[in-house]
PDB file of N, CA and C in Angstrom:
ATOM      1  N   MET A   1     -15.769  32.753   0.649  1.00  0.00           N
ATOM      2  CA  MET A   1     -15.734  31.397   0.212  1.00  0.00           C
ATOM      3  C   MET A   1     -15.052  31.341  -1.154  1.00  0.00           C
ATOM      4  N   ARG A   2     -14.135  30.375  -1.351  1.00  0.00           N
ATOM      5  CA  ARG A   2     -13.414  30.247  -2.598  1.00  0.00           C
ATOM      6  C   ARG A   2     -14.184  29.408  -3.565  1.00  0.00           C
ATOM      7  N   LYS A   3     -14.182  29.812  -4.819  1.00  0.00           N
ATOM      8  CA  LYS A   3     -14.817  29.039  -5.871  1.00  0.00           C
ATOM      9  C   LYS A   3     -13.852  27.950  -6.345  1.00  0.00           C
ATOM     10  N   LYS A   4     -14.410  26.792  -6.632  1.00  0.00           N
ATOM     11  CA  LYS A   4     -13.614  25.709  -7.193  1.00  0.00           C
ATOM     12  C   LYS A   4     -13.425  25.994  -8.680  1.00  0.00           C
ATOM     13  N   ARG A   5     -12.210  25.741  -9.141  1.00  0.00           N
ATOM     14  CA  ARG A   5     -11.944  25.915 -10.554  1.00  0.00           C
ATOM     15  C   ARG A   5     -12.425  24.694 -11.307  1.00  0.00           C
ATOM     16  N   ALA A   6     -13.161  24.925 -12.372  1.00  0.00           N
ATOM     17  CA  ALA A   6     -13.680  23.814 -13.166  1.00  0.00           C
ATOM     18  C   ALA A   6     -12.532  23.149 -13.931  1.00  0.00           C
ATOM     19  N   ALA A   7     -12.618  21.831 -14.028  1.00  0.00           N
ATOM     20  CA  ALA A   7     -11.631  21.107 -14.808  1.00  0.00           C
ATOM     21  C   ALA A   7     -11.800  21.407 -16.282  1.00  0.00           C
ATOM     22  N   PRO A   8     -10.738  21.475 -17.037  1.00  0.00           N
ATOM     23  CA  PRO A   8     -10.848  21.738 -18.488  1.00  0.00           C
ATOM     24  C   PRO A   8     -11.706  20.678 -19.148  1.00  0.00           C
ATOM     25  N   ARG A   9     -12.534  21.157 -20.101  1.00  0.00           N
ATOM     26  CA  ARG A   9     -13.400  20.227 -20.811  1.00  0.00           C
ATOM     27  C   ARG A   9     -12.600  19.353 -21.738  1.00  0.00           C
ATOM     28  N   GLN A  10     -12.997  18.101 -21.796  1.00  0.00           N
ATOM     29  CA  GLN A  10     -12.320  17.139 -22.664  1.00  0.00           C
ATOM     30  C   GLN A  10     -13.329  16.670 -23.699  1.00  0.00           C
ATOM     31  N   GLU A  11     -12.965  16.824 -24.953  1.00  0.00           N
ATOM     32  CA  GLU A  11     -13.831  16.393 -26.034  1.00  0.00           C
ATOM     33  C   GLU A  11     -13.908  14.877 -26.068  1.00  0.00           C
ATOM     34  N   PRO A  12     -15.045  14.309 -26.506  1.00  0.00           N
ATOM     35  CA  PRO A  12     -15.145  12.850 -26.598  1.00  0.00           C
ATOM     36  C   PRO A  12     -14.058  12.300 -27.558  1.00  0.00           C
ATOM     37  N   GLY A  13     -13.432  11.223 -27.145  1.00  0.00           N
ATOM     38  CA  GLY A  13     -12.388  10.603 -27.926  1.00  0.00           C
ATOM     39  C   GLY A  13     -11.010  11.238 -27.726  1.00  0.00           C
ATOM     40  N   GLU A  14     -10.930  12.319 -27.014  1.00  0.00           N
ATOM     41  CA  GLU A  14      -9.677  13.003 -26.764  1.00  0.00           C
ATOM     42  C   GLU A  14      -9.023  12.420 -25.517  1.00  0.00           C
ATOM     43  N   LYS A  15      -7.737  12.135 -25.599  1.00  0.00           N
ATOM     44  CA  LYS A  15      -6.999  11.573 -24.452  1.00  0.00           C
ATOM     45  C   LYS A  15      -6.660  12.659 -23.474  1.00  0.00           C
ATOM     46  N   ALA A  16      -6.721  12.310 -22.202  1.00  0.00           N
ATOM     47  CA  ALA A  16      -6.319  13.260 -21.160  1.00  0.00           C
ATOM     48  C   ALA A  16      -4.816  13.458 -21.245  1.00  0.00           C
ATOM     49  N   ASN A  17      -4.370  14.666 -20.976  1.00  0.00           N
ATOM     50  CA  ASN A  17      -2.971  15.014 -21.032  1.00  0.00           C
ATOM     51  C   ASN A  17      -2.343  14.908 -19.650  1.00  0.00           C
ATOM     52  N   ALA A  18      -2.558  13.751 -18.985  1.00  0.00           N
ATOM     53  CA  ALA A  18      -2.056  13.571 -17.632  1.00  0.00           C
ATOM     54  C   ALA A  18      -0.581  13.178 -17.660  1.00  0.00           C
ATOM     55  N   VAL A  19       0.200  13.824 -16.841  1.00  0.00           N
ATOM     56  CA  VAL A  19       1.616  13.523 -16.699  1.00  0.00           C
ATOM     57  C   VAL A  19       1.818  12.932 -15.311  1.00  0.00           C
ATOM     58  N   THR A  20       2.441  11.774 -15.267  1.00  0.00           N
ATOM     59  CA  THR A  20       2.633  11.102 -13.983  1.00  0.00           C
ATOM     60  C   THR A  20       3.779  11.786 -13.214  1.00  0.00           C
ATOM     61  N   ALA A  21       3.827  11.516 -11.929  1.00  0.00           N
ATOM     62  CA  ALA A  21       4.870  12.094 -11.104  1.00  0.00           C
ATOM     63  C   ALA A  21       6.267  11.713 -11.559  1.00  0.00           C
ATOM     64  N   PRO A  22       6.549  10.417 -11.885  1.00  0.00           N
ATOM     65  CA  PRO A  22       7.879  10.100 -12.390  1.00  0.00           C
ATOM     66  C   PRO A  22       8.228  10.838 -13.683  1.00  0.00           C
ATOM     67  N   GLU A  23       7.229  11.022 -14.568  1.00  0.00           N
ATOM     68  CA  GLU A  23       7.483  11.768 -15.805  1.00  0.00           C
ATOM     69  C   GLU A  23       7.798  13.219 -15.524  1.00  0.00           C
ATOM     70  N   ARG A  24       7.079  13.826 -14.589  1.00  0.00           N
ATOM     71  CA  ARG A  24       7.349  15.232 -14.214  1.00  0.00           C
ATOM     72  C   ARG A  24       8.759  15.369 -13.642  1.00  0.00           C
ATOM     73  N   LEU A  25       9.121  14.437 -12.742  1.00  0.00           N
ATOM     74  CA  LEU A  25      10.446  14.483 -12.122  1.00  0.00           C
ATOM     75  C   LEU A  25      11.542  14.333 -13.171  1.00  0.00           C
ATOM     76  N   ALA A  26      11.361  13.415 -14.126  1.00  0.00           N
ATOM     77  CA  ALA A  26      12.348  13.233 -15.192  1.00  0.00           C
ATOM     78  C   ALA A  26      12.476  14.493 -16.033  1.00  0.00           C
ATOM     79  N   GLN A  27      11.343  15.157 -16.305  1.00  0.00           N
ATOM     80  CA  GLN A  27      11.377  16.419 -17.078  1.00  0.00           C
ATOM     81  C   GLN A  27      12.089  17.505 -16.292  1.00  0.00           C
ATOM     82  N   MET A  28      11.821  17.609 -14.998  1.00  0.00           N
ATOM     83  CA  MET A  28      12.436  18.648 -14.197  1.00  0.00           C
ATOM     84  C   MET A  28      13.959  18.454 -14.093  1.00  0.00           C
ATOM     85  N   LEU A  29      14.400  17.215 -13.969  1.00  0.00           N
ATOM     86  CA  LEU A  29      15.837  16.920 -13.852  1.00  0.00           C
ATOM     87  C   LEU A  29      16.516  16.737 -15.182  1.00  0.00           C
ATOM     88  N   ASP A  30      15.725  16.774 -16.269  1.00  0.00           N
ATOM     89  CA  ASP A  30      16.264  16.624 -17.635  1.00  0.00           C
ATOM     90  C   ASP A  30      17.027  15.310 -17.790  1.00  0.00           C
ATOM     91  N   VAL A  31      16.379  14.221 -17.389  1.00  0.00           N
ATOM     92  CA  VAL A  31      16.939  12.866 -17.549  1.00  0.00           C
ATOM     93  C   VAL A  31      15.934  12.019 -18.281  1.00  0.00           C
ATOM     94  N   PRO A  32      16.352  10.898 -18.851  1.00  0.00           N
ATOM     95  CA  PRO A  32      15.404  10.027 -19.544  1.00  0.00           C
ATOM     96  C   PRO A  32      14.298   9.540 -18.624  1.00  0.00           C
ATOM     97  N   GLN A  33      13.082   9.394 -19.154  1.00  0.00           N
ATOM     98  CA  GLN A  33      11.922   9.009 -18.336  1.00  0.00           C
ATOM     99  C   GLN A  33      12.077   7.624 -17.719  1.00  0.00           C
ATOM    100  N   ASN A  34      12.781   6.720 -18.384  1.00  0.00           N
ATOM    101  CA  ASN A  34      12.871   5.367 -17.861  1.00  0.00           C
ATOM    102  C   ASN A  34      13.702   5.274 -16.574  1.00  0.00           C
ATOM    103  N   VAL A  35      14.392   6.362 -16.209  1.00  0.00           N
ATOM    104  CA  VAL A  35      15.175   6.367 -14.962  1.00  0.00           C
ATOM    105  C   VAL A  35      14.239   6.212 -13.761  1.00  0.00           C
ATOM    106  N   PHE A  36      13.030   6.776 -13.838  1.00  0.00           N
ATOM    107  CA  PHE A  36      12.094   6.756 -12.709  1.00  0.00           C
ATOM    108  C   PHE A  36      10.881   5.872 -12.937  1.00  0.00           C
ATOM    109  N   THR A  37      10.863   5.129 -14.043  1.00  0.00           N
ATOM    110  CA  THR A  37       9.745   4.269 -14.335  1.00  0.00           C
ATOM    111  C   THR A  37      10.230   2.851 -14.536  1.00  0.00           C
ATOM    112  N   ALA A  38       9.304   1.943 -14.775  1.00  0.00           N
ATOM    113  CA  ALA A  38       9.642   0.540 -14.924  1.00  0.00           C
ATOM    114  C   ALA A  38       9.929   0.161 -16.380  1.00  0.00           C
ATOM    115  N   PHE A  39      10.112   1.158 -17.259  1.00  0.00           N
ATOM    116  CA  PHE A  39      10.370   0.847 -18.647  1.00  0.00           C
ATOM    117  C   PHE A  39      11.805   0.332 -18.829  1.00  0.00           C
ATOM    118  N   SER A  40      11.937  -0.621 -19.732  1.00  0.00           N
ATOM    119  CA  SER A  40      13.257  -1.109 -20.108  1.00  0.00           C
ATOM    120  C   SER A  40      13.748  -0.275 -21.266  1.00  0.00           C
ATOM    121  N   GLN A  41      15.059  -0.250 -21.454  1.00  0.00           N
ATOM    122  CA  GLN A  41      15.636   0.503 -22.568  1.00  0.00           C
ATOM    123  C   GLN A  41      16.601  -0.420 -23.307  1.00  0.00           C
ATOM    124  N   ILE A  42      16.520  -0.409 -24.631  1.00  0.00           N
ATOM    125  CA  ILE A  42      17.377  -1.206 -25.486  1.00  0.00           C
ATOM    126  C   ILE A  42      18.150  -0.281 -26.405  1.00  0.00           C
ATOM    127  N   CYS A  43      19.456  -0.479 -26.486  1.00  0.00           N
ATOM    128  CA  CYS A  43      20.281   0.299 -27.417  1.00  0.00           C
ATOM    129  C   CYS A  43      20.968  -0.709 -28.330  1.00  0.00           C
ATOM    130  N   LEU A  44      20.676  -0.632 -29.647  1.00  0.00           N
ATOM    131  CA  LEU A  44      21.260  -1.536 -30.614  1.00  0.00           C
ATOM    132  C   LEU A  44      22.389  -0.828 -31.345  1.00  0.00           C
ATOM    133  N   SER A  45      23.492  -1.538 -31.486  1.00  0.00           N
ATOM    134  CA  SER A  45      24.596  -1.068 -32.312  1.00  0.00           C
ATOM    135  C   SER A  45      24.614  -1.931 -33.561  1.00  0.00           C
ATOM    136  N   GLY A  46      23.889  -1.449 -34.576  1.00  0.00           N
ATOM    137  CA  GLY A  46      23.736  -2.247 -35.796  1.00  0.00           C
ATOM    138  C   GLY A  46      22.994  -3.526 -35.438  1.00  0.00           C
ATOM    139  N   ASN A  47      23.436  -4.639 -36.011  1.00  0.00           N
ATOM    140  CA  ASN A  47      22.860  -5.942 -35.638  1.00  0.00           C
ATOM    141  C   ASN A  47      23.897  -6.820 -34.946  1.00  0.00           C
ATOM    142  N   ARG A  48      24.896  -6.165 -34.329  1.00  0.00           N
ATOM    143  CA  ARG A  48      25.980  -6.910 -33.691  1.00  0.00           C
ATOM    144  C   ARG A  48      25.983  -6.840 -32.168  1.00  0.00           C
ATOM    145  N   GLU A  49      25.311  -5.828 -31.604  1.00  0.00           N
ATOM    146  CA  GLU A  49      25.338  -5.702 -30.138  1.00  0.00           C
ATOM    147  C   GLU A  49      24.057  -5.043 -29.658  1.00  0.00           C
ATOM    148  N   ALA A  50      23.554  -5.519 -28.525  1.00  0.00           N
ATOM    149  CA  ALA A  50      22.371  -4.925 -27.890  1.00  0.00           C
ATOM    150  C   ALA A  50      22.697  -4.718 -26.422  1.00  0.00           C
ATOM    151  N   VAL A  51      22.434  -3.513 -25.943  1.00  0.00           N
ATOM    152  CA  VAL A  51      22.604  -3.183 -24.506  1.00  0.00           C
ATOM    153  C   VAL A  51      21.215  -2.966 -23.956  1.00  0.00           C
ATOM    154  N   LEU A  52      20.888  -3.720 -22.903  1.00  0.00           N
ATOM    155  CA  LEU A  52      19.542  -3.698 -22.333  1.00  0.00           C
ATOM    156  C   LEU A  52      19.616  -3.306 -20.859  1.00  0.00           C
ATOM    157  N   ASP A  53      18.807  -2.311 -20.487  1.00  0.00           N
ATOM    158  CA  ASP A  53      18.624  -1.938 -19.094  1.00  0.00           C
ATOM    159  C   ASP A  53      17.238  -2.383 -18.671  1.00  0.00           C
ATOM    160  N   GLY A  54      17.105  -3.016 -17.539  1.00  0.00           N
ATOM    161  CA  GLY A  54      15.794  -3.410 -17.018  1.00  0.00           C
ATOM    162  C   GLY A  54      15.532  -4.903 -17.119  1.00  0.00           C
ATOM    163  N   CYS A  55      16.580  -5.705 -17.274  1.00  0.00           N
ATOM    164  CA  CYS A  55      16.408  -7.151 -17.359  1.00  0.00           C
ATOM    165  C   CYS A  55      16.233  -7.713 -15.955  1.00  0.00           C
ATOM    166  N   GLN A  56      15.257  -8.637 -15.822  1.00  0.00           N
ATOM    167  CA  GLN A  56      14.994  -9.257 -14.533  1.00  0.00           C
ATOM    168  C   GLN A  56      15.412 -10.712 -14.498  1.00  0.00           C
ATOM    169  N   GLY A  57      16.021 -11.196 -15.590  1.00  0.00           N
ATOM    170  CA  GLY A  57      16.513 -12.567 -15.587  1.00  0.00           C
ATOM    171  C   GLY A  57      16.586 -13.151 -16.991  1.00  0.00           C
ATOM    172  N   VAL A  58      17.384 -14.202 -17.107  1.00  0.00           N
ATOM    173  CA  VAL A  58      17.540 -14.922 -18.369  1.00  0.00           C
ATOM    174  C   VAL A  58      16.615 -16.136 -18.341  1.00  0.00           C
ATOM    175  N   LEU A  59      15.770 -16.286 -19.349  1.00  0.00           N
ATOM    176  CA  LEU A  59      14.842 -17.405 -19.420  1.00  0.00           C
ATOM    177  C   LEU A  59      15.384 -18.520 -20.307  1.00  0.00           C
ATOM    178  N   GLU A  60      16.095 -18.178 -21.351  1.00  0.00           N
ATOM    179  CA  GLU A  60      16.646 -19.166 -22.256  1.00  0.00           C
ATOM    180  C   GLU A  60      17.915 -18.592 -22.867  1.00  0.00           C
ATOM    181  N   TYR A  61      18.920 -19.473 -23.017  1.00  0.00           N
ATOM    182  CA  TYR A  61      20.221 -19.005 -23.488  1.00  0.00           C
ATOM    183  C   TYR A  61      20.847 -20.051 -24.382  1.00  0.00           C
ATOM    184  N   GLU A  62      20.809 -19.813 -25.681  1.00  0.00           N
ATOM    185  CA  GLU A  62      21.401 -20.692 -26.691  1.00  0.00           C
ATOM    186  C   GLU A  62      22.146 -19.822 -27.695  1.00  0.00           C
ATOM    187  N   PRO A  63      23.065 -20.380 -28.504  1.00  0.00           N
ATOM    188  CA  PRO A  63      23.763 -19.553 -29.487  1.00  0.00           C
ATOM    189  C   PRO A  63      22.843 -18.933 -30.562  1.00  0.00           C
ATOM    190  N   GLU A  64      21.650 -19.485 -30.757  1.00  0.00           N
ATOM    191  CA  GLU A  64      20.717 -18.946 -31.746  1.00  0.00           C
ATOM    192  C   GLU A  64      19.528 -18.211 -31.124  1.00  0.00           C
ATOM    193  N   LEU A  65      19.395 -18.286 -29.795  1.00  0.00           N
ATOM    194  CA  LEU A  65      18.199 -17.716 -29.143  1.00  0.00           C
ATOM    195  C   LEU A  65      18.531 -17.288 -27.710  1.00  0.00           C
ATOM    196  N   ILE A  66      18.169 -16.051 -27.386  1.00  0.00           N
ATOM    197  CA  ILE A  66      18.274 -15.582 -25.991  1.00  0.00           C
ATOM    198  C   ILE A  66      16.946 -14.955 -25.630  1.00  0.00           C
ATOM    199  N   ARG A  67      16.329 -15.421 -24.540  1.00  0.00           N
ATOM    200  CA  ARG A  67      15.070 -14.867 -24.064  1.00  0.00           C
ATOM    201  C   ARG A  67      15.297 -14.276 -22.691  1.00  0.00           C
ATOM    202  N   LEU A  68      14.854 -13.023 -22.506  1.00  0.00           N
ATOM    203  CA  LEU A  68      15.066 -12.296 -21.256  1.00  0.00           C
ATOM    204  C   LEU A  68      13.739 -11.875 -20.646  1.00  0.00           C
ATOM    205  N   ASN A  69      13.658 -11.917 -19.327  1.00  0.00           N
ATOM    206  CA  ASN A  69      12.475 -11.484 -18.607  1.00  0.00           C
ATOM    207  C   ASN A  69      12.597  -9.996 -18.325  1.00  0.00           C
ATOM    208  N   LEU A  70      11.589  -9.226 -18.779  1.00  0.00           N
ATOM    209  CA  LEU A  70      11.580  -7.790 -18.510  1.00  0.00           C
ATOM    210  C   LEU A  70      10.492  -7.439 -17.490  1.00  0.00           C
ATOM    211  N   GLY A  71       9.975  -8.419 -16.802  1.00  0.00           N
ATOM    212  CA  GLY A  71       8.897  -8.154 -15.821  1.00  0.00           C
ATOM    213  C   GLY A  71       7.549  -8.439 -16.434  1.00  0.00           C
ATOM    214  N   ASP A  72       7.007  -7.449 -17.126  1.00  0.00           N
ATOM    215  CA  ASP A  72       5.668  -7.602 -17.717  1.00  0.00           C
ATOM    216  C   ASP A  72       5.712  -8.128 -19.154  1.00  0.00           C
ATOM    217  N   MET A  73       6.897  -8.351 -19.691  1.00  0.00           N
ATOM    218  CA  MET A  73       7.016  -8.905 -21.039  1.00  0.00           C
ATOM    219  C   MET A  73       8.331  -9.671 -21.175  1.00  0.00           C
ATOM    220  N   ILE A  74       8.426 -10.400 -22.280  1.00  0.00           N
ATOM    221  CA  ILE A  74       9.624 -11.178 -22.562  1.00  0.00           C
ATOM    222  C   ILE A  74      10.244 -10.636 -23.842  1.00  0.00           C
ATOM    223  N   LEU A  75      11.554 -10.457 -23.829  1.00  0.00           N
ATOM    224  CA  LEU A  75      12.307  -9.986 -24.978  1.00  0.00           C
ATOM    225  C   LEU A  75      13.105 -11.149 -25.539  1.00  0.00           C
ATOM    226  N   GLN A  76      12.963 -11.365 -26.843  1.00  0.00           N
ATOM    227  CA  GLN A  76      13.629 -12.487 -27.473  1.00  0.00           C
ATOM    228  C   GLN A  76      14.550 -11.991 -28.603  1.00  0.00           C
ATOM    229  N   PHE A  77      15.777 -12.458 -28.583  1.00  0.00           N
ATOM    230  CA  PHE A  77      16.747 -12.195 -29.647  1.00  0.00           C
ATOM    231  C   PHE A  77      16.991 -13.517 -30.370  1.00  0.00           C
ATOM    232  N   THR A  78      16.960 -13.493 -31.689  1.00  0.00           N
ATOM    233  CA  THR A  78      17.363 -14.669 -32.449  1.00  0.00           C
ATOM    234  C   THR A  78      18.498 -14.246 -33.381  1.00  0.00           C
ATOM    235  N   GLY A  79      19.366 -15.180 -33.702  1.00  0.00           N
ATOM    236  CA  GLY A  79      20.483 -14.876 -34.558  1.00  0.00           C
ATOM    237  C   GLY A  79      21.517 -16.004 -34.569  1.00  0.00           C
ATOM    238  N   ARG A  80      22.756 -15.644 -34.785  1.00  0.00           N
ATOM    239  CA  ARG A  80      23.848 -16.594 -34.821  1.00  0.00           C
ATOM    240  C   ARG A  80      24.953 -16.161 -33.858  1.00  0.00           C
ATOM    241  N   ASN A  81      25.552 -17.127 -33.204  1.00  0.00           N
ATOM    242  CA  ASN A  81      26.667 -16.875 -32.275  1.00  0.00           C
ATOM    243  C   ASN A  81      26.305 -15.835 -31.218  1.00  0.00           C
ATOM    244  N   LEU A  82      25.068 -15.910 -30.718  1.00  0.00           N
ATOM    245  CA  LEU A  82      24.643 -14.958 -29.691  1.00  0.00           C
ATOM    246  C   LEU A  82      25.249 -15.343 -28.347  1.00  0.00           C
ATOM    247  N   GLN A  83      25.695 -14.343 -27.633  1.00  0.00           N
ATOM    248  CA  GLN A  83      26.243 -14.608 -26.293  1.00  0.00           C
ATOM    249  C   GLN A  83      25.998 -13.391 -25.398  1.00  0.00           C
ATOM    250  N   ILE A  84      25.889 -13.661 -24.130  1.00  0.00           N
ATOM    251  CA  ILE A  84      25.793 -12.578 -23.149  1.00  0.00           C
ATOM    252  C   ILE A  84      27.202 -12.199 -22.788  1.00  0.00           C
ATOM    253  N   LYS A  85      27.602 -11.011 -23.234  1.00  0.00           N
ATOM    254  CA  LYS A  85      28.965 -10.536 -22.992  1.00  0.00           C
ATOM    255  C   LYS A  85      29.142 -10.097 -21.553  1.00  0.00           C
ATOM    256  N   CYS A  86      28.084  -9.436 -21.013  1.00  0.00           N
ATOM    257  CA  CYS A  86      28.175  -8.890 -19.655  1.00  0.00           C
ATOM    258  C   CYS A  86      26.777  -8.832 -19.062  1.00  0.00           C
ATOM    259  N   MET A  87      26.655  -9.156 -17.802  1.00  0.00           N
ATOM    260  CA  MET A  87      25.372  -9.053 -17.087  1.00  0.00           C
ATOM    261  C   MET A  87      25.661  -8.578 -15.689  1.00  0.00           C
ATOM    262  N   THR A  88      25.205  -7.334 -15.377  1.00  0.00           N
ATOM    263  CA  THR A  88      25.401  -6.774 -14.054  1.00  0.00           C
ATOM    264  C   THR A  88      24.073  -6.190 -13.600  1.00  0.00           C
ATOM    265  N   GLY A  89      23.561  -6.668 -12.489  1.00  0.00           N
ATOM    266  CA  GLY A  89      22.282  -6.165 -11.991  1.00  0.00           C
ATOM    267  C   GLY A  89      21.201  -6.317 -13.030  1.00  0.00           C
ATOM    268  N   GLU A  90      20.638  -5.201 -13.500  1.00  0.00           N
ATOM    269  CA  GLU A  90      19.582  -5.237 -14.499  1.00  0.00           C
ATOM    270  C   GLU A  90      20.113  -4.912 -15.901  1.00  0.00           C
ATOM    271  N   ASN A  91      21.425  -4.851 -16.070  1.00  0.00           N
ATOM    272  CA  ASN A  91      22.011  -4.514 -17.363  1.00  0.00           C
ATOM    273  C   ASN A  91      22.586  -5.739 -18.030  1.00  0.00           C
ATOM    274  N   VAL A  92      22.320  -5.881 -19.333  1.00  0.00           N
ATOM    275  CA  VAL A  92      22.794  -7.029 -20.112  1.00  0.00           C
ATOM    276  C   VAL A  92      23.369  -6.520 -21.422  1.00  0.00           C
ATOM    277  N   ILE A  93      24.488  -7.065 -21.859  1.00  0.00           N
ATOM    278  CA  ILE A  93      25.040  -6.788 -23.169  1.00  0.00           C
ATOM    279  C   ILE A  93      25.050  -8.100 -23.945  1.00  0.00           C
ATOM    280  N   ILE A  94      24.401  -8.090 -25.096  1.00  0.00           N
ATOM    281  CA  ILE A  94      24.338  -9.265 -25.957  1.00  0.00           C
ATOM    282  C   ILE A  94      25.127  -8.959 -27.214  1.00  0.00           C
ATOM    283  N   GLU A  95      25.989  -9.898 -27.607  1.00  0.00           N
ATOM    284  CA  GLU A  95      26.757  -9.773 -28.820  1.00  0.00           C
ATOM    285  C   GLU A  95      26.479 -10.948 -29.739  1.00  0.00           C
ATOM    286  N   GLY A  96      26.726 -10.763 -31.016  1.00  0.00           N
ATOM    287  CA  GLY A  96      26.552 -11.785 -32.016  1.00  0.00           C
ATOM    288  C   GLY A  96      25.913 -11.187 -33.251  1.00  0.00           C
ATOM    289  N   TYR A  97      25.405 -12.048 -34.107  1.00  0.00           N
ATOM    290  CA  TYR A  97      24.733 -11.602 -35.321  1.00  0.00           C
ATOM    291  C   TYR A  97      23.235 -11.638 -35.051  1.00  0.00           C
ATOM    292  N   ILE A  98      22.649 -10.496 -34.708  1.00  0.00           N
ATOM    293  CA  ILE A  98      21.224 -10.418 -34.319  1.00  0.00           C
ATOM    294  C   ILE A  98      20.356 -10.330 -35.557  1.00  0.00           C
ATOM    295  N   LEU A  99      19.437 -11.306 -35.697  1.00  0.00           N
ATOM    296  CA  LEU A  99      18.523 -11.315 -36.829  1.00  0.00           C
ATOM    297  C   LEU A  99      17.183 -10.696 -36.487  1.00  0.00           C
ATOM    298  N   THR A 100      16.646 -11.032 -35.301  1.00  0.00           N
ATOM    299  CA  THR A 100      15.345 -10.503 -34.904  1.00  0.00           C
ATOM    300  C   THR A 100      15.342 -10.116 -33.434  1.00  0.00           C
ATOM    301  N   VAL A 101      14.523  -9.151 -33.097  1.00  0.00           N
ATOM    302  CA  VAL A 101      14.255  -8.756 -31.723  1.00  0.00           C
ATOM    303  C   VAL A 101      12.721  -8.729 -31.604  1.00  0.00           C
ATOM    304  N   SER A 102      12.182  -9.473 -30.668  1.00  0.00           N
ATOM    305  CA  SER A 102      10.708  -9.522 -30.532  1.00  0.00           C
ATOM    306  C   SER A 102      10.291  -9.476 -29.089  1.00  0.00           C
ATOM    307  N   PHE A 103       9.096  -8.937 -28.874  1.00  0.00           N
ATOM    308  CA  PHE A 103       8.499  -8.838 -27.542  1.00  0.00           C
ATOM    309  C   PHE A 103       7.274  -9.720 -27.463  1.00  0.00           C
ATOM    310  N   SER A 104       7.047 -10.318 -26.306  1.00  0.00           N
ATOM    311  CA  SER A 104       5.810 -11.083 -26.077  1.00  0.00           C
ATOM    312  C   SER A 104       5.411 -10.915 -24.606  1.00  0.00           C
ATOM    313  N   THR A 105       4.151 -11.241 -24.359  1.00  0.00           N
ATOM    314  CA  THR A 105       3.654 -11.107 -22.978  1.00  0.00           C
ATOM    315  C   THR A 105       3.374 -12.466 -22.381  1.00  0.00           C
TER     316      THR A 105
END
């Protein structure tokens, strides 16, 4: 009869070091974790351009304000002369003078 191996003891207040299947796969393939998860990714080029992966729709679009749906949260850009330069699938490129970037639920 085989003995069951005891789970490692976890001290009170210590977080479990659980790695999800998508995280393991991303590590094995040496790619960013957001490729296999629902996380969005934002790449800012100074305050003049933002490239966003994971957009699920445009909620508001004005020259001073752009609000995007990311699924479980909303991403808001404020600034001057903001415009959506390109939108393909879940990818969006925003150009203009970006003053703030904020998240809300």
